[in-house]
């Protein structure tokens, strides 16, 4: 998938994650801030990468501010932000690729 514009998903509320994505011509750049970084930082990064790989995103700058979101919430926020950035409005493959 090719990102056409910047997009966001999620909130800064407890147990959620705020994800922003934008087109980026130098591969993938992930910036992560998390209230549980020491315990789960590696797993959060892996989940973000898995979603990007499954959606075939090769060029994106992603900023994630995690407030203790469950893995399923984090993945859905990343997926939603990507779909919004790609301007998908019909026949969205929710959850079928991740």
Protein backbone atom coordinates (compact mmCIF):
# COMPACT_ATOMS: atom_id res chain seq x y z
CA UNK A 1 0.00 0.00 0.00
CA UNK A 2 1.14 3.50 -0.77
CA UNK A 3 0.37 6.27 1.68
CA UNK A 4 -1.09 9.34 -0.02
CA UNK A 5 -1.40 11.65 2.97
CA UNK A 6 -0.93 11.93 6.72
CA UNK A 7 -3.50 10.26 8.95
CA UNK A 8 -4.16 9.47 12.60
CA UNK A 9 -6.12 6.95 14.65
CA UNK A 10 -6.68 6.47 18.36
CA UNK A 11 -6.53 8.69 21.42
CA UNK A 12 -4.19 9.61 24.24
CA UNK A 13 -6.54 8.01 26.79
CA UNK A 14 -5.41 5.29 29.17
CA UNK A 15 -5.41 1.80 27.58
CA UNK A 16 -5.35 3.25 24.06
CA UNK A 17 -2.72 4.28 21.52
CA UNK A 18 -2.46 7.34 19.31
CA UNK A 19 -0.98 6.49 15.92
CA UNK A 20 0.02 8.96 13.24
CA UNK A 21 1.38 7.97 9.84
CA UNK A 22 2.67 9.94 6.90
CA UNK A 23 4.36 9.23 3.59
CA UNK A 24 8.11 8.82 3.91
CA UNK A 25 10.47 8.16 1.02
CA UNK A 26 13.26 6.54 3.04
CA UNK A 27 11.66 3.24 4.07
CA UNK A 28 10.03 2.74 7.44
CA UNK A 29 10.66 5.03 10.41
CA UNK A 30 8.93 4.07 13.67
CA UNK A 31 8.92 6.38 16.68
CA UNK A 32 7.47 4.81 19.81
CA UNK A 33 6.63 6.29 23.20
CA UNK A 34 4.98 3.97 25.68
CA UNK A 35 4.04 3.91 29.34
CA UNK A 36 5.07 0.23 29.31
CA UNK A 37 8.21 0.57 27.18
CA UNK A 38 10.48 -1.40 29.50
CA UNK A 39 8.13 -4.36 29.73
CA UNK A 40 6.62 -4.47 26.23
CA UNK A 41 8.55 -2.10 23.94
CA UNK A 42 10.01 -4.88 21.78
CA UNK A 43 6.61 -6.59 21.41
CA UNK A 44 4.91 -3.31 20.49
CA UNK A 45 7.51 -2.62 17.78
CA UNK A 46 7.10 -6.17 16.49
CA UNK A 47 3.31 -5.78 16.29
CA UNK A 48 3.64 -2.50 14.40
CA UNK A 49 6.07 -4.14 11.95
CA UNK A 50 3.77 -7.13 11.45
CA UNK A 51 0.85 -4.87 10.54
CA UNK A 52 3.01 -2.88 8.11
CA UNK A 53 4.34 -6.07 6.54
CA UNK A 54 0.89 -7.63 6.18
CA UNK A 55 -0.42 -4.46 4.49
CA UNK A 56 2.70 -4.30 2.31
CA UNK A 57 3.63 -0.81 3.48
CA UNK A 58 7.23 -0.08 2.51
CA UNK A 59 7.46 3.70 2.97
CA UNK A 60 5.98 5.34 6.05
CA UNK A 61 6.86 7.44 9.04
CA UNK A 62 4.92 6.23 12.06
CA UNK A 63 4.62 7.82 15.48
CA UNK A 64 2.94 5.75 18.20
CA UNK A 65 2.12 7.07 21.65
CA UNK A 66 1.00 4.02 23.60
CA UNK A 67 -0.87 4.37 26.87
CA UNK A 68 -0.98 0.68 27.75
CA UNK A 69 -3.14 -0.51 24.84
CA UNK A 70 -3.79 -4.20 24.35
CA UNK A 71 -2.07 -5.70 21.32
CA UNK A 72 -5.37 -5.99 19.39
CA UNK A 73 -6.07 -2.29 20.02
CA UNK A 74 -2.59 -1.26 18.92
CA UNK A 75 -2.86 -3.31 15.72
CA UNK A 76 -6.28 -1.91 14.87
CA UNK A 77 -5.06 1.67 15.41
CA UNK A 78 -2.08 1.13 13.09
CA UNK A 79 -4.31 -0.56 10.51
CA UNK A 80 -6.88 2.25 10.64
CA UNK A 81 -4.26 4.98 10.29
CA UNK A 82 -2.75 3.18 7.26
CA UNK A 83 -6.14 2.76 5.57
CA UNK A 84 -6.93 6.43 6.16
CA UNK A 85 -3.55 7.51 4.78
CA UNK A 86 -4.15 5.39 1.68
CA UNK A 87 -7.60 7.00 1.33
CA UNK A 88 -9.42 3.66 1.29
CA UNK A 89 -13.15 4.22 1.68
CA UNK A 90 -14.72 1.08 0.19
CA UNK A 91 -14.09 -2.65 0.47
CA UNK A 92 -11.67 -2.17 3.34
CA UNK A 93 -10.11 -5.51 4.31
CA UNK A 94 -10.49 -5.00 8.08
CA UNK A 95 -8.44 -7.53 9.99
CA UNK A 96 -8.24 -9.96 7.10
CA UNK A 97 -4.59 -9.25 6.39
CA UNK A 98 -3.24 -8.99 9.93
